[in-house]
C-alpha atoms as a PDB file:
ATOM      1  CA  UNK A   1       9.488  -3.687   5.917  1.00  0.00           C
ATOM      2  CA  UNK A   2       8.873  -0.050   5.166  1.00  0.00           C
ATOM      3  CA  UNK A   3      11.210   2.902   5.380  1.00  0.00           C
ATOM      4  CA  UNK A   4       9.905   6.316   6.327  1.00  0.00           C
ATOM      5  CA  UNK A   5      11.318   9.793   5.901  1.00  0.00           C
ATOM      6  CA  UNK A   6      12.112  11.855   8.952  1.00  0.00           C
ATOM      7  CA  UNK A   7      10.777  15.363   9.453  1.00  0.00           C
ATOM      8  CA  UNK A   8      13.891  16.906   7.861  1.00  0.00           C
ATOM      9  CA  UNK A   9      13.407  14.894   4.632  1.00  0.00           C
ATOM     10  CA  UNK A  10      16.197  12.376   5.156  1.00  0.00           C
ATOM     11  CA  UNK A  11      15.450   8.694   4.840  1.00  0.00           C
ATOM     12  CA  UNK A  12      15.136   6.954   8.181  1.00  0.00           C
ATOM     13  CA  UNK A  13      17.612   4.076   8.102  1.00  0.00           C
ATOM     14  CA  UNK A  14      15.938   2.029  10.776  1.00  0.00           C
ATOM     15  CA  UNK A  15      13.312  -0.281   9.332  1.00  0.00           C
ATOM     16  CA  UNK A  16       9.952  -0.606  10.997  1.00  0.00           C
ATOM     17  CA  UNK A  17       8.333  -4.032  11.132  1.00  0.00           C
ATOM     18  CA  UNK A  18       4.973  -4.203   9.378  1.00  0.00           C
ATOM     19  CA  UNK A  19       2.849  -6.570  11.491  1.00  0.00           C
ATOM     20  CA  UNK A  20      -0.139  -6.767   9.165  1.00  0.00           C
ATOM     21  CA  UNK A  21       2.036  -7.562   6.174  1.00  0.00           C
ATOM     22  CA  UNK A  22       3.893 -10.232   8.127  1.00  0.00           C
ATOM     23  CA  UNK A  23       0.665 -11.883   9.299  1.00  0.00           C
ATOM     24  CA  UNK A  24      -1.048 -11.856   5.880  1.00  0.00           C
ATOM     25  CA  UNK A  25       0.432 -15.170   4.674  1.00  0.00           C
ATOM     26  CA  UNK A  26      -0.191 -17.191   7.880  1.00  0.00           C
ATOM     27  CA  UNK A  27      -3.738 -15.840   8.126  1.00  0.00           C
ATOM     28  CA  UNK A  28      -4.390 -16.712   4.476  1.00  0.00           C
ATOM     29  CA  UNK A  29      -3.039 -20.226   5.110  1.00  0.00           C
ATOM     30  CA  UNK A  30      -5.307 -20.732   8.128  1.00  0.00           C
ATOM     31  CA  UNK A  31      -8.292 -19.362   6.188  1.00  0.00           C
ATOM     32  CA  UNK A  32      -7.532 -21.836   3.401  1.00  0.00           C
ATOM     33  CA  UNK A  33      -7.477 -24.712   5.869  1.00  0.00           C
ATOM     34  CA  UNK A  34     -10.732 -23.600   7.485  1.00  0.00           C
ATOM     35  CA  UNK A  35     -12.710 -22.896   4.324  1.00  0.00           C
ATOM     36  CA  UNK A  36     -11.175 -25.871   2.500  1.00  0.00           C
ATOM     37  CA  UNK A  37     -12.194 -28.213   5.312  1.00  0.00           C
ATOM     38  CA  UNK A  38     -15.648 -26.661   5.417  1.00  0.00           C
ATOM     39  CA  UNK A  39     -16.073 -27.102   1.663  1.00  0.00           C
ATOM     40  CA  UNK A  40     -14.921 -30.735   1.794  1.00  0.00           C
ATOM     41  CA  UNK A  41     -17.361 -31.440   4.622  1.00  0.00           C
ATOM     42  CA  UNK A  42     -20.250 -29.869   2.722  1.00  0.00           C
ATOM     43  CA  UNK A  43     -19.355 -31.782  -0.445  1.00  0.00           C
ATOM     44  CA  UNK A  44     -19.213 -35.049   1.507  1.00  0.00           C
ATOM     45  CA  UNK A  45     -22.546 -34.313   3.169  1.00  0.00           C
ATOM     46  CA  UNK A  46     -24.103 -33.662  -0.225  1.00  0.00           C
ATOM     47  CA  UNK A  47     -22.505 -36.769  -1.725  1.00  0.00           C
ATOM     48  CA  UNK A  48     -23.576 -39.066   1.133  1.00  0.00           C
ATOM     49  CA  UNK A  49     -26.993 -37.470   1.473  1.00  0.00           C
ATOM     50  CA  UNK A  50     -27.208 -36.036   4.958  1.00  0.00           C
ATOM     51  CA  UNK A  51     -25.535 -34.321   7.921  1.00  0.00           C
ATOM     52  CA  UNK A  52     -23.380 -37.100   9.356  1.00  0.00           C
ATOM     53  CA  UNK A  53     -20.846 -35.143  11.419  1.00  0.00           C
END
């Protein structure tokens, strides 16, 4: 949430919703799932010695 000043210098009391800031945590969570799963798959492939997906 960010507050802005109006053109006459007074603080605007209505808060504007910041979409990018609100989506940062869910996007980071999904990225963690994706890259974490990818890393586990690559580690397993290395450990077992071949692409067995």
